[in-house]
């Protein structure tokens, strides 16, 4: 799951969203990007919420209006990356099997042919390396994936033509298994030095993980 290059873009492109909502989304995105940059530059421990607010040009009280902790500030980046994967899976060609649609989604979301997306993958690599030694930041990452399971279950139920099945055990199992497979793939890539566009990159690893599960009964659910 990449860190999306523009987490607020979907809201900004929605004509029904109010100007206030768009401004709030832009502020959240700016704070998230600033937090990520400071975490990488200084380390999570040596970065304060007040530092993030100052660098983003807002008051500390504004920061806390959006995020309860400094680590939570990068949550929009992780969440937006998860949405990319879910949306790409939902939009996969209808004739594809569940496993094929999931692979399609990962390849779209983790593609490196777009410069902005390639840059975002390097951000996620840096943040995940920091998260390895920071339980609070790791919790933010894990929460993003847990939330993606619910969204993915809804997307798979929609593809099956019955949105009501999103809460069904088989669909939830598919979503949870797929989310874990992608998380493991991205974390494995982030811990190493392989380029993002190679056979050991996140897209290739995620596709491999999901394909390895395709012989299981869940793949035809």
N, C-alpha and C. Protein backbone atom coordinates (compact mmCIF):
# COMPACT_ATOMS: atom_id res chain seq x y z
N UNK A 1 0.86 -1.20 0.00
CA UNK A 1 0.00 0.00 0.00
C UNK A 1 0.87 1.22 0.00
N UNK A 2 0.84 1.99 -1.05
CA UNK A 2 1.69 3.16 -1.10
C UNK A 2 1.16 4.29 -0.27
N UNK A 3 2.02 5.24 -0.01
CA UNK A 3 1.57 6.50 0.54
C UNK A 3 1.12 7.33 -0.64
N UNK A 4 -0.15 7.67 -0.71
CA UNK A 4 -0.68 8.38 -1.86
C UNK A 4 -0.03 9.74 -2.00
N UNK A 5 0.27 10.14 -3.24
CA UNK A 5 0.92 11.42 -3.47
C UNK A 5 0.00 12.59 -3.20
N UNK A 6 -1.31 12.39 -3.32
CA UNK A 6 -2.25 13.46 -3.06
C UNK A 6 -3.51 12.91 -2.42
N UNK A 7 -3.48 12.69 -1.11
CA UNK A 7 -4.62 12.08 -0.42
C UNK A 7 -5.91 12.85 -0.53
N UNK A 8 -5.85 14.15 -0.77
CA UNK A 8 -7.07 14.96 -0.82
C UNK A 8 -7.62 15.11 -2.22
N UNK A 9 -6.98 14.48 -3.22
CA UNK A 9 -7.39 14.70 -4.60
C UNK A 9 -8.80 14.24 -4.88
N UNK A 10 -9.23 13.10 -4.31
CA UNK A 10 -10.57 12.59 -4.58
C UNK A 10 -11.64 13.54 -4.07
N UNK A 11 -11.38 14.15 -2.93
CA UNK A 11 -12.33 15.11 -2.39
C UNK A 11 -12.33 16.38 -3.23
N UNK A 12 -11.14 16.81 -3.64
CA UNK A 12 -11.05 18.04 -4.42
C UNK A 12 -11.74 17.91 -5.76
N UNK A 13 -11.76 16.69 -6.31
CA UNK A 13 -12.38 16.47 -7.60
C UNK A 13 -13.88 16.25 -7.50
N UNK A 14 -14.40 16.12 -6.28
CA UNK A 14 -15.82 15.87 -6.08
C UNK A 14 -16.57 17.20 -6.03
N UNK A 15 -17.38 17.52 -7.04
CA UNK A 15 -18.07 18.80 -7.07
C UNK A 15 -19.05 18.99 -5.94
N UNK A 16 -19.48 17.90 -5.30
CA UNK A 16 -20.47 18.02 -4.24
C UNK A 16 -19.84 18.40 -2.90
N UNK A 17 -18.51 18.29 -2.80
CA UNK A 17 -17.84 18.64 -1.56
C UNK A 17 -17.78 20.15 -1.42
N UNK A 18 -17.98 20.63 -0.21
CA UNK A 18 -18.00 22.07 0.03
C UNK A 18 -16.58 22.62 0.05
N UNK A 19 -16.48 23.93 -0.10
CA UNK A 19 -15.18 24.58 -0.05
C UNK A 19 -14.52 24.33 1.30
N UNK A 20 -15.31 24.35 2.36
CA UNK A 20 -14.78 24.10 3.70
C UNK A 20 -14.20 22.70 3.80
N UNK A 21 -14.90 21.72 3.25
CA UNK A 21 -14.42 20.34 3.29
C UNK A 21 -13.12 20.20 2.51
N UNK A 22 -13.05 20.87 1.36
CA UNK A 22 -11.83 20.79 0.56
C UNK A 22 -10.65 21.42 1.29
N UNK A 23 -10.91 22.54 1.95
CA UNK A 23 -9.84 23.20 2.69
C UNK A 23 -9.37 22.35 3.86
N UNK A 24 -10.31 21.71 4.53
CA UNK A 24 -9.94 20.82 5.63
C UNK A 24 -9.09 19.65 5.11
N UNK A 25 -9.50 19.10 3.98
CA UNK A 25 -8.75 17.99 3.39
C UNK A 25 -7.34 18.43 3.01
N UNK A 26 -7.22 19.63 2.46
CA UNK A 26 -5.91 20.15 2.08
C UNK A 26 -5.03 20.36 3.31
N UNK A 27 -5.63 20.85 4.40
CA UNK A 27 -4.87 21.06 5.63
C UNK A 27 -4.38 19.73 6.19
N UNK A 28 -5.26 18.73 6.20
CA UNK A 28 -4.87 17.41 6.68
C UNK A 28 -3.73 16.85 5.84
N UNK A 29 -3.83 17.02 4.54
CA UNK A 29 -2.79 16.51 3.65
C UNK A 29 -1.47 17.23 3.88
N UNK A 30 -1.52 18.54 4.04
CA UNK A 30 -0.31 19.32 4.27
C UNK A 30 0.35 18.90 5.59
N UNK A 31 -0.46 18.73 6.63
CA UNK A 31 0.08 18.29 7.91
C UNK A 31 0.68 16.88 7.79
N UNK A 32 0.02 16.01 7.05
CA UNK A 32 0.51 14.64 6.88
C UNK A 32 1.85 14.61 6.16
N UNK A 33 1.95 15.36 5.09
CA UNK A 33 3.21 15.40 4.33
C UNK A 33 4.32 16.02 5.17
N UNK A 34 3.99 17.07 5.91
CA UNK A 34 4.99 17.73 6.75
C UNK A 34 5.47 16.78 7.83
N UNK A 35 4.54 16.06 8.46
CA UNK A 35 4.91 15.10 9.50
C UNK A 35 5.82 14.02 8.94
N UNK A 36 5.48 13.48 7.77
CA UNK A 36 6.29 12.43 7.16
C UNK A 36 7.70 12.94 6.88
N UNK A 37 7.81 14.15 6.35
CA UNK A 37 9.12 14.70 6.03
C UNK A 37 9.96 14.91 7.29
N UNK A 38 9.34 15.41 8.34
CA UNK A 38 10.06 15.63 9.59
C UNK A 38 10.45 14.32 10.26
N UNK A 39 9.56 13.34 10.21
CA UNK A 39 9.89 12.03 10.78
C UNK A 39 11.13 11.45 10.11
N UNK A 40 11.18 11.55 8.79
CA UNK A 40 12.31 10.99 8.05
C UNK A 40 13.58 11.80 8.32
N UNK A 41 13.43 13.10 8.41
CA UNK A 41 14.59 13.97 8.61
C UNK A 41 15.14 13.91 10.03
N UNK A 42 14.26 13.96 11.02
CA UNK A 42 14.68 14.06 12.42
C UNK A 42 14.48 12.79 13.23
N UNK A 43 13.59 11.94 12.76
CA UNK A 43 13.18 10.79 13.56
C UNK A 43 11.88 11.10 14.26
N UNK A 44 11.11 10.08 14.55
CA UNK A 44 9.81 10.29 15.18
C UNK A 44 9.97 10.83 16.60
N UNK A 45 10.89 10.26 17.34
CA UNK A 45 11.05 10.67 18.74
C UNK A 45 11.43 12.14 18.86
N UNK A 46 12.24 12.63 17.93
CA UNK A 46 12.74 14.00 18.03
C UNK A 46 11.86 15.00 17.29
N UNK A 47 10.72 14.56 16.84
CA UNK A 47 9.76 15.46 16.20
C UNK A 47 8.55 15.64 17.10
N UNK A 48 8.21 16.88 17.38
CA UNK A 48 7.04 17.17 18.21
C UNK A 48 5.87 17.60 17.33
N UNK A 49 4.69 17.47 17.87
CA UNK A 49 3.50 17.94 17.14
C UNK A 49 3.62 19.44 16.86
N UNK A 50 4.20 20.16 17.80
CA UNK A 50 4.39 21.60 17.60
C UNK A 50 5.34 21.89 16.44
N UNK A 51 6.33 21.02 16.24
CA UNK A 51 7.25 21.19 15.11
C UNK A 51 6.51 21.01 13.79
N UNK A 52 5.65 20.01 13.75
CA UNK A 52 4.88 19.75 12.53
C UNK A 52 3.97 20.94 12.23
N UNK A 53 3.29 21.45 13.26
CA UNK A 53 2.40 22.58 13.08
C UNK A 53 3.17 23.80 12.56
N UNK A 54 4.32 24.07 13.18
CA UNK A 54 5.09 25.24 12.77
C UNK A 54 5.55 25.12 11.31
N UNK A 55 6.07 23.95 10.95
CA UNK A 55 6.54 23.76 9.58
C UNK A 55 5.40 23.86 8.57
N UNK A 56 4.20 23.44 8.99
CA UNK A 56 3.03 23.50 8.10
C UNK A 56 2.37 24.88 8.09
N UNK A 57 2.81 25.75 9.00
CA UNK A 57 2.27 27.10 9.03
C UNK A 57 0.94 27.23 9.73
N UNK A 58 0.68 26.36 10.71
CA UNK A 58 -0.57 26.44 11.47
C UNK A 58 -0.25 26.45 12.96
N UNK A 59 -1.23 26.82 13.74
CA UNK A 59 -1.05 26.83 15.19
C UNK A 59 -1.13 25.41 15.75
N UNK A 60 -0.46 25.14 16.87
CA UNK A 60 -0.54 23.81 17.47
C UNK A 60 -1.98 23.37 17.74
N UNK A 61 -2.83 24.30 18.15
CA UNK A 61 -4.22 23.91 18.42
C UNK A 61 -4.91 23.44 17.14
N UNK A 62 -4.48 23.98 16.00
CA UNK A 62 -5.04 23.52 14.73
C UNK A 62 -4.60 22.09 14.45
N UNK A 63 -3.34 21.79 14.74
CA UNK A 63 -2.85 20.42 14.56
C UNK A 63 -3.70 19.45 15.36
N UNK A 64 -3.92 19.78 16.64
CA UNK A 64 -4.66 18.86 17.50
C UNK A 64 -6.15 18.80 17.16
N UNK A 65 -6.61 19.75 16.38
CA UNK A 65 -7.98 19.68 15.90
C UNK A 65 -8.13 18.56 14.87
N UNK A 66 -7.03 18.24 14.20
CA UNK A 66 -7.05 17.22 13.16
C UNK A 66 -6.52 15.87 13.64
N UNK A 67 -5.53 15.89 14.52
CA UNK A 67 -4.88 14.65 14.94
C UNK A 67 -4.63 14.64 16.45
N UNK A 68 -4.89 13.51 17.11
CA UNK A 68 -4.67 13.44 18.56
C UNK A 68 -3.20 13.29 18.93
N UNK A 69 -2.39 12.72 18.04
CA UNK A 69 -0.97 12.52 18.31
C UNK A 69 -0.16 12.83 17.06
N UNK A 70 1.13 13.00 17.25
CA UNK A 70 1.99 13.30 16.10
C UNK A 70 2.04 12.12 15.13
N UNK A 71 2.04 10.90 15.67
CA UNK A 71 2.10 9.72 14.80
C UNK A 71 0.85 9.61 13.92
N UNK A 72 -0.30 9.99 14.47
CA UNK A 72 -1.55 9.91 13.71
C UNK A 72 -1.55 10.86 12.51
N UNK A 73 -0.62 11.81 12.50
CA UNK A 73 -0.60 12.79 11.42
C UNK A 73 -0.34 12.16 10.05
N UNK A 74 0.34 11.01 10.01
CA UNK A 74 0.60 10.38 8.72
C UNK A 74 -0.50 9.40 8.33
N UNK A 75 -1.51 9.25 9.17
CA UNK A 75 -2.61 8.31 8.87
C UNK A 75 -3.28 8.61 7.53
N UNK A 76 -3.51 9.89 7.16
CA UNK A 76 -4.15 10.14 5.85
C UNK A 76 -3.35 9.61 4.68
N UNK A 77 -2.02 9.58 4.81
CA UNK A 77 -1.19 9.07 3.72
C UNK A 77 -1.37 7.57 3.56
N UNK A 78 -1.34 6.86 4.68
CA UNK A 78 -1.57 5.41 4.64
C UNK A 78 -2.98 5.09 4.16
N UNK A 79 -3.96 5.83 4.67
CA UNK A 79 -5.36 5.56 4.32
C UNK A 79 -5.61 5.80 2.84
N UNK A 80 -5.02 6.86 2.29
CA UNK A 80 -5.22 7.16 0.88
C UNK A 80 -4.60 6.08 0.00
N UNK A 81 -3.46 5.56 0.42
CA UNK A 81 -2.85 4.46 -0.33
C UNK A 81 -3.73 3.23 -0.34
N UNK A 82 -4.37 2.95 0.80
CA UNK A 82 -5.29 1.82 0.88
C UNK A 82 -6.48 2.02 -0.03
N UNK A 83 -6.98 3.25 -0.10
CA UNK A 83 -8.12 3.54 -0.98
C UNK A 83 -7.76 3.31 -2.44
N UNK A 84 -6.53 3.65 -2.81
CA UNK A 84 -6.09 3.41 -4.19
C UNK A 84 -6.21 1.93 -4.55
N UNK A 85 -5.77 1.09 -3.63
CA UNK A 85 -5.81 -0.35 -3.87
C UNK A 85 -7.24 -0.84 -3.95
N UNK A 86 -8.08 -0.44 -3.01
CA UNK A 86 -9.47 -0.86 -2.99
C UNK A 86 -10.20 -0.38 -4.25
N UNK A 87 -9.99 0.88 -4.62
CA UNK A 87 -10.66 1.43 -5.80
C UNK A 87 -10.22 0.72 -7.07
N UNK A 88 -8.93 0.41 -7.16
CA UNK A 88 -8.41 -0.28 -8.35
C UNK A 88 -8.97 -1.70 -8.43
N UNK A 89 -9.13 -2.34 -7.29
CA UNK A 89 -9.72 -3.69 -7.27
C UNK A 89 -11.19 -3.63 -7.66
N UNK A 90 -11.90 -2.64 -7.14
CA UNK A 90 -13.31 -2.48 -7.47
C UNK A 90 -13.49 -2.24 -8.98
N UNK A 91 -12.56 -1.51 -9.58
CA UNK A 91 -12.67 -1.14 -10.99
C UNK A 91 -12.08 -2.19 -11.94
N UNK A 92 -11.57 -3.29 -11.41
CA UNK A 92 -10.98 -4.33 -12.25
C UNK A 92 -12.04 -4.89 -13.20
N UNK A 93 -11.64 -5.31 -14.40
CA UNK A 93 -12.59 -5.87 -15.36
C UNK A 93 -13.46 -6.95 -14.74
N UNK A 94 -14.73 -6.94 -15.09
CA UNK A 94 -15.71 -7.82 -14.45
C UNK A 94 -15.44 -9.31 -14.68
N UNK A 95 -14.76 -9.65 -15.78
CA UNK A 95 -14.55 -11.06 -16.08
C UNK A 95 -13.45 -11.69 -15.23
N UNK A 96 -12.68 -10.89 -14.51
CA UNK A 96 -11.59 -11.43 -13.71
C UNK A 96 -12.12 -12.15 -12.47
N UNK A 97 -11.41 -13.19 -12.05
CA UNK A 97 -11.75 -13.87 -10.80
C UNK A 97 -11.39 -12.95 -9.63
N UNK A 98 -11.78 -13.34 -8.43
CA UNK A 98 -11.45 -12.54 -7.25
C UNK A 98 -9.94 -12.36 -7.13
N UNK A 99 -9.20 -13.46 -7.23
CA UNK A 99 -7.74 -13.38 -7.10
C UNK A 99 -7.14 -12.49 -8.18
N UNK A 100 -7.63 -12.63 -9.41
CA UNK A 100 -7.12 -11.81 -10.52
C UNK A 100 -7.44 -10.33 -10.31
N UNK A 101 -8.62 -10.05 -9.80
CA UNK A 101 -9.00 -8.65 -9.54
C UNK A 101 -8.11 -8.05 -8.46
N UNK A 102 -7.80 -8.84 -7.45
CA UNK A 102 -6.93 -8.37 -6.38
C UNK A 102 -5.52 -8.10 -6.89
N UNK A 103 -5.02 -8.97 -7.74
CA UNK A 103 -3.70 -8.76 -8.34
C UNK A 103 -3.73 -7.50 -9.21
N UNK A 104 -4.80 -7.36 -9.99
CA UNK A 104 -4.97 -6.15 -10.81
C UNK A 104 -4.92 -4.91 -9.93
N UNK A 105 -5.62 -4.94 -8.81
CA UNK A 105 -5.65 -3.80 -7.92
C UNK A 105 -4.29 -3.46 -7.35
N UNK A 106 -3.53 -4.47 -6.95
CA UNK A 106 -2.21 -4.21 -6.39
C UNK A 106 -1.26 -3.66 -7.44
N UNK A 107 -1.33 -4.20 -8.65
CA UNK A 107 -0.45 -3.69 -9.71
C UNK A 107 -0.77 -2.23 -10.05
N UNK A 108 -2.05 -1.88 -10.03
CA UNK A 108 -2.44 -0.50 -10.32
C UNK A 108 -2.00 0.43 -9.19
N UNK A 109 -2.26 0.03 -7.96
CA UNK A 109 -1.97 0.89 -6.81
C UNK A 109 -0.48 1.02 -6.54
N UNK A 110 0.28 -0.01 -6.86
CA UNK A 110 1.72 0.00 -6.57
C UNK A 110 2.56 0.22 -7.82
N UNK A 111 1.94 0.68 -8.89
CA UNK A 111 2.66 0.91 -10.15
C UNK A 111 3.72 2.00 -9.97
N UNK A 112 4.83 1.85 -10.67
CA UNK A 112 5.91 2.83 -10.58
C UNK A 112 6.10 3.63 -11.85
N UNK A 113 5.20 3.42 -12.85
CA UNK A 113 5.36 4.16 -14.09
C UNK A 113 4.93 5.62 -13.95
N UNK A 114 4.21 5.91 -12.87
CA UNK A 114 3.85 7.29 -12.56
C UNK A 114 4.86 7.83 -11.56
N UNK A 115 5.48 8.98 -11.89
CA UNK A 115 6.55 9.53 -11.06
C UNK A 115 6.09 9.82 -9.64
N UNK A 116 4.88 10.36 -9.50
CA UNK A 116 4.37 10.71 -8.18
C UNK A 116 4.16 9.45 -7.34
N UNK A 117 3.66 8.40 -7.97
CA UNK A 117 3.42 7.16 -7.24
C UNK A 117 4.74 6.50 -6.85
N UNK A 118 5.73 6.57 -7.74
CA UNK A 118 7.04 6.01 -7.43
C UNK A 118 7.66 6.73 -6.24
N UNK A 119 7.49 8.05 -6.20
CA UNK A 119 8.01 8.82 -5.08
C UNK A 119 7.29 8.45 -3.78
N UNK A 120 5.99 8.24 -3.87
CA UNK A 120 5.22 7.90 -2.67
C UNK A 120 5.66 6.56 -2.10
N UNK A 121 6.07 5.63 -2.96
CA UNK A 121 6.53 4.34 -2.48
C UNK A 121 7.82 4.48 -1.68
N UNK A 122 8.67 5.40 -2.08
CA UNK A 122 9.89 5.63 -1.32
C UNK A 122 9.57 6.26 0.04
N UNK A 123 8.51 7.08 0.08
CA UNK A 123 8.07 7.63 1.35
C UNK A 123 7.60 6.51 2.28
N UNK A 124 6.82 5.60 1.74
CA UNK A 124 6.30 4.53 2.60
C UNK A 124 7.44 3.64 3.08
N UNK A 125 8.45 3.44 2.24
CA UNK A 125 9.61 2.66 2.68
C UNK A 125 10.28 3.32 3.88
N UNK A 126 10.48 4.62 3.79
CA UNK A 126 11.12 5.35 4.88
C UNK A 126 10.27 5.30 6.15
N UNK A 127 8.96 5.51 6.01
CA UNK A 127 8.08 5.51 7.17
C UNK A 127 7.99 4.13 7.82
N UNK A 128 7.97 3.09 7.01
CA UNK A 128 7.90 1.74 7.58
C UNK A 128 9.18 1.35 8.30
N UNK A 129 10.30 1.83 7.82
CA UNK A 129 11.55 1.56 8.53
C UNK A 129 11.54 2.26 9.89
N UNK A 130 10.96 3.45 9.93
CA UNK A 130 10.82 4.14 11.21
C UNK A 130 9.83 3.41 12.12
N UNK A 131 8.76 2.90 11.51
CA UNK A 131 7.72 2.21 12.28
C UNK A 131 8.23 0.94 12.94
N UNK A 132 9.25 0.34 12.37
CA UNK A 132 9.80 -0.89 12.93
C UNK A 132 10.30 -0.68 14.36
N UNK A 133 10.71 0.56 14.66
CA UNK A 133 11.22 0.86 16.00
C UNK A 133 10.29 1.78 16.78
N UNK A 134 9.10 2.03 16.25
CA UNK A 134 8.17 2.94 16.90
C UNK A 134 6.78 2.32 16.94
N UNK A 135 6.38 1.76 18.08
CA UNK A 135 5.08 1.09 18.17
C UNK A 135 3.90 1.97 17.80
N UNK A 136 3.95 3.25 18.15
CA UNK A 136 2.83 4.15 17.86
C UNK A 136 2.66 4.34 16.35
N UNK A 137 3.78 4.52 15.65
CA UNK A 137 3.70 4.69 14.20
C UNK A 137 3.29 3.38 13.54
N UNK A 138 3.78 2.28 14.07
CA UNK A 138 3.40 0.97 13.53
C UNK A 138 1.91 0.73 13.71
N UNK A 139 1.36 1.20 14.81
CA UNK A 139 -0.07 1.05 15.06
C UNK A 139 -0.89 1.82 14.04
N UNK A 140 -0.41 3.00 13.64
CA UNK A 140 -1.11 3.79 12.63
C UNK A 140 -1.14 3.03 11.31
N UNK A 141 -0.02 2.43 10.95
CA UNK A 141 0.07 1.62 9.72
C UNK A 141 -0.88 0.42 9.78
N UNK A 142 -0.86 -0.27 10.90
CA UNK A 142 -1.73 -1.45 11.04
C UNK A 142 -3.21 -1.06 11.02
N UNK A 143 -3.54 0.06 11.63
CA UNK A 143 -4.93 0.52 11.63
C UNK A 143 -5.41 0.82 10.21
N UNK A 144 -4.52 1.38 9.39
CA UNK A 144 -4.88 1.69 8.01
C UNK A 144 -5.21 0.41 7.25
N UNK A 145 -4.45 -0.64 7.49
CA UNK A 145 -4.71 -1.90 6.81
C UNK A 145 -5.97 -2.57 7.33
N UNK A 146 -6.20 -2.45 8.62
CA UNK A 146 -7.42 -3.03 9.17
C UNK A 146 -8.65 -2.35 8.56
N UNK A 147 -8.59 -1.03 8.42
CA UNK A 147 -9.70 -0.30 7.81
C UNK A 147 -9.87 -0.70 6.35
N UNK A 148 -8.75 -0.97 5.67
CA UNK A 148 -8.84 -1.34 4.26
C UNK A 148 -9.55 -2.67 4.07
N UNK A 149 -9.48 -3.55 5.08
CA UNK A 149 -10.16 -4.84 4.98
C UNK A 149 -11.67 -4.64 4.83
N UNK A 150 -12.22 -3.72 5.62
CA UNK A 150 -13.65 -3.45 5.56
C UNK A 150 -14.03 -2.86 4.20
N UNK A 151 -13.22 -1.92 3.73
CA UNK A 151 -13.50 -1.31 2.43
C UNK A 151 -13.36 -2.32 1.30
N UNK A 152 -12.36 -3.18 1.41
CA UNK A 152 -12.15 -4.19 0.37
C UNK A 152 -13.28 -5.20 0.36
N UNK A 153 -13.76 -5.59 1.53
CA UNK A 153 -14.89 -6.52 1.59
C UNK A 153 -16.10 -5.94 0.89
N UNK A 154 -16.33 -4.64 1.09
CA UNK A 154 -17.46 -3.98 0.42
C UNK A 154 -17.26 -3.98 -1.09
N UNK A 155 -16.03 -3.72 -1.54
CA UNK A 155 -15.74 -3.70 -2.97
C UNK A 155 -15.93 -5.08 -3.60
N UNK A 156 -15.50 -6.13 -2.90
CA UNK A 156 -15.65 -7.48 -3.43
C UNK A 156 -17.11 -7.91 -3.47
N UNK A 157 -17.87 -7.49 -2.47
CA UNK A 157 -19.30 -7.80 -2.46
C UNK A 157 -20.01 -7.10 -3.61
N UNK A 158 -19.60 -5.87 -3.90
CA UNK A 158 -20.17 -5.13 -5.02
C UNK A 158 -19.86 -5.83 -6.33
N UNK A 159 -18.62 -6.31 -6.47
CA UNK A 159 -18.24 -7.02 -7.69
C UNK A 159 -19.07 -8.28 -7.86
N UNK A 160 -19.45 -8.90 -6.75
CA UNK A 160 -20.25 -10.13 -6.79
C UNK A 160 -21.73 -9.82 -7.02
N UNK A 161 -22.08 -8.55 -7.04
CA UNK A 161 -23.46 -8.16 -7.29
C UNK A 161 -24.37 -8.18 -6.09
N UNK A 162 -23.79 -8.32 -4.90
CA UNK A 162 -24.61 -8.37 -3.69
C UNK A 162 -23.88 -7.64 -2.56
N UNK A 163 -24.03 -6.31 -2.47
CA UNK A 163 -23.34 -5.52 -1.43
C UNK A 163 -23.62 -6.01 -0.03
N UNK A 164 -24.74 -6.70 0.17
CA UNK A 164 -25.08 -7.17 1.52
C UNK A 164 -24.11 -8.24 2.01
N UNK A 165 -23.37 -8.84 1.12
CA UNK A 165 -22.44 -9.91 1.51
C UNK A 165 -21.15 -9.38 2.10
N UNK A 166 -20.99 -8.06 2.17
CA UNK A 166 -19.74 -7.49 2.68
C UNK A 166 -19.41 -7.96 4.09
N UNK A 167 -20.44 -8.23 4.88
CA UNK A 167 -20.22 -8.66 6.27
C UNK A 167 -20.17 -10.18 6.40
N UNK A 168 -20.36 -10.89 5.29
CA UNK A 168 -20.36 -12.35 5.35
C UNK A 168 -18.95 -12.88 5.64
N UNK A 169 -18.87 -13.96 6.38
CA UNK A 169 -17.58 -14.50 6.79
C UNK A 169 -16.65 -14.80 5.60
N UNK A 170 -17.12 -15.47 4.53
CA UNK A 170 -16.21 -15.77 3.42
C UNK A 170 -15.62 -14.52 2.78
N UNK A 171 -16.46 -13.48 2.63
CA UNK A 171 -15.98 -12.25 2.00
C UNK A 171 -14.99 -11.54 2.91
N UNK A 172 -15.30 -11.50 4.20
CA UNK A 172 -14.37 -10.87 5.14
C UNK A 172 -13.05 -11.63 5.20
N UNK A 173 -13.12 -12.94 5.08
CA UNK A 173 -11.90 -13.75 5.09
C UNK A 173 -11.04 -13.44 3.87
N UNK A 174 -11.68 -13.31 2.71
CA UNK A 174 -10.95 -12.95 1.50
C UNK A 174 -10.26 -11.60 1.68
N UNK A 175 -11.03 -10.62 2.15
CA UNK A 175 -10.48 -9.27 2.31
C UNK A 175 -9.34 -9.26 3.32
N UNK A 176 -9.53 -9.95 4.44
CA UNK A 176 -8.49 -9.97 5.45
C UNK A 176 -7.23 -10.67 4.98
N UNK A 177 -7.40 -11.78 4.27
CA UNK A 177 -6.26 -12.52 3.74
C UNK A 177 -5.51 -11.69 2.71
N UNK A 178 -6.26 -11.05 1.81
CA UNK A 178 -5.62 -10.23 0.78
C UNK A 178 -4.90 -9.04 1.38
N UNK A 179 -5.51 -8.40 2.36
CA UNK A 179 -4.88 -7.24 3.00
C UNK A 179 -3.59 -7.65 3.69
N UNK A 180 -3.61 -8.80 4.35
CA UNK A 180 -2.40 -9.28 5.01
C UNK A 180 -1.31 -9.59 3.99
N UNK A 181 -1.70 -10.20 2.87
CA UNK A 181 -0.74 -10.53 1.83
C UNK A 181 -0.06 -9.28 1.29
N UNK A 182 -0.83 -8.24 1.05
CA UNK A 182 -0.25 -7.00 0.52
C UNK A 182 0.61 -6.32 1.58
N UNK A 183 0.13 -6.32 2.82
CA UNK A 183 0.91 -5.70 3.90
C UNK A 183 2.26 -6.37 4.04
N UNK A 184 2.27 -7.70 4.05
CA UNK A 184 3.52 -8.44 4.18
C UNK A 184 4.45 -8.13 3.00
N UNK A 185 3.89 -8.06 1.80
CA UNK A 185 4.70 -7.77 0.62
C UNK A 185 5.33 -6.39 0.71
N UNK A 186 4.55 -5.40 1.09
CA UNK A 186 5.08 -4.03 1.17
C UNK A 186 6.11 -3.92 2.27
N UNK A 187 5.84 -4.53 3.41
CA UNK A 187 6.80 -4.47 4.53
C UNK A 187 8.10 -5.19 4.17
N UNK A 188 7.99 -6.31 3.46
CA UNK A 188 9.19 -7.05 3.06
C UNK A 188 10.04 -6.21 2.12
N UNK A 189 9.38 -5.58 1.14
CA UNK A 189 10.12 -4.71 0.23
C UNK A 189 10.74 -3.53 0.97
N UNK A 190 9.99 -2.91 1.87
CA UNK A 190 10.47 -1.72 2.58
C UNK A 190 11.70 -2.03 3.43
N UNK A 191 11.78 -3.25 3.94
CA UNK A 191 12.90 -3.62 4.80
C UNK A 191 14.18 -3.89 4.02
N UNK A 192 14.06 -4.07 2.71
CA UNK A 192 15.23 -4.35 1.89
C UNK A 192 15.66 -3.16 1.06
N UNK A 193 16.44 -3.44 0.04
CA UNK A 193 16.98 -2.37 -0.81
C UNK A 193 16.60 -2.53 -2.28
N UNK A 194 15.68 -3.46 -2.58
CA UNK A 194 15.29 -3.69 -3.97
C UNK A 194 14.55 -2.48 -4.53
N UNK A 195 14.76 -2.17 -5.81
CA UNK A 195 14.02 -1.05 -6.41
C UNK A 195 12.53 -1.36 -6.49
N UNK A 196 11.72 -0.32 -6.49
CA UNK A 196 10.27 -0.52 -6.47
C UNK A 196 9.74 -1.12 -7.76
N UNK A 197 10.48 -0.98 -8.87
CA UNK A 197 9.96 -1.43 -10.16
C UNK A 197 10.52 -2.78 -10.60
N UNK A 198 11.22 -3.47 -9.72
CA UNK A 198 11.83 -4.73 -10.10
C UNK A 198 11.02 -5.94 -9.66
N UNK A 199 11.56 -7.13 -9.88
CA UNK A 199 10.85 -8.37 -9.50
C UNK A 199 10.70 -8.53 -8.00
N UNK A 200 11.47 -7.78 -7.23
CA UNK A 200 11.34 -7.82 -5.77
C UNK A 200 10.69 -6.54 -5.25
N UNK A 201 10.07 -5.78 -6.15
CA UNK A 201 9.37 -4.57 -5.75
C UNK A 201 8.03 -4.89 -5.13
N UNK A 202 7.37 -3.90 -4.54
CA UNK A 202 6.11 -4.17 -3.81
C UNK A 202 5.00 -4.72 -4.70
N UNK A 203 4.88 -4.22 -5.94
CA UNK A 203 3.82 -4.71 -6.82
C UNK A 203 4.03 -6.18 -7.15
N UNK A 204 5.27 -6.53 -7.50
CA UNK A 204 5.58 -7.91 -7.85
C UNK A 204 5.42 -8.84 -6.66
N UNK A 205 5.89 -8.39 -5.49
CA UNK A 205 5.77 -9.22 -4.30
C UNK A 205 4.31 -9.42 -3.89
N UNK A 206 3.53 -8.33 -3.97
CA UNK A 206 2.12 -8.43 -3.60
C UNK A 206 1.37 -9.36 -4.55
N UNK A 207 1.65 -9.24 -5.85
CA UNK A 207 1.01 -10.13 -6.82
C UNK A 207 1.38 -11.58 -6.55
N UNK A 208 2.64 -11.80 -6.20
CA UNK A 208 3.11 -13.15 -5.91
C UNK A 208 2.40 -13.72 -4.68
N UNK A 209 2.27 -12.89 -3.66
CA UNK A 209 1.61 -13.35 -2.42
C UNK A 209 0.15 -13.72 -2.69
N UNK A 210 -0.55 -12.87 -3.42
CA UNK A 210 -1.97 -13.13 -3.69
C UNK A 210 -2.12 -14.35 -4.60
N UNK A 211 -1.27 -14.45 -5.61
CA UNK A 211 -1.33 -15.59 -6.53
C UNK A 211 -1.08 -16.90 -5.81
N UNK A 212 -0.18 -16.86 -4.81
CA UNK A 212 0.13 -18.09 -4.06
C UNK A 212 -1.07 -18.59 -3.28
N UNK A 213 -2.04 -17.68 -3.05
CA UNK A 213 -3.25 -18.08 -2.33
C UNK A 213 -4.39 -18.46 -3.26
N UNK A 214 -4.19 -18.28 -4.56
CA UNK A 214 -5.29 -18.45 -5.51
C UNK A 214 -5.77 -19.88 -5.66
N UNK A 215 -4.98 -20.84 -5.18
CA UNK A 215 -5.42 -22.23 -5.25
C UNK A 215 -6.32 -22.60 -4.08
N UNK A 216 -6.45 -21.68 -3.13
CA UNK A 216 -7.30 -21.94 -1.98
C UNK A 216 -8.76 -21.71 -2.35
N UNK A 217 -9.70 -22.29 -1.62
CA UNK A 217 -11.13 -22.13 -1.93
C UNK A 217 -11.60 -20.69 -1.97
N UNK A 218 -10.98 -19.80 -1.17
CA UNK A 218 -11.46 -18.42 -1.12
C UNK A 218 -11.37 -17.72 -2.45
N UNK A 219 -10.47 -18.17 -3.35
CA UNK A 219 -10.24 -17.47 -4.60
C UNK A 219 -11.46 -17.49 -5.52
N UNK A 220 -12.37 -18.41 -5.30
CA UNK A 220 -13.56 -18.47 -6.15
C UNK A 220 -14.81 -18.02 -5.43
N UNK A 221 -14.64 -17.45 -4.22
CA UNK A 221 -15.80 -17.02 -3.43
C UNK A 221 -16.54 -15.90 -4.15
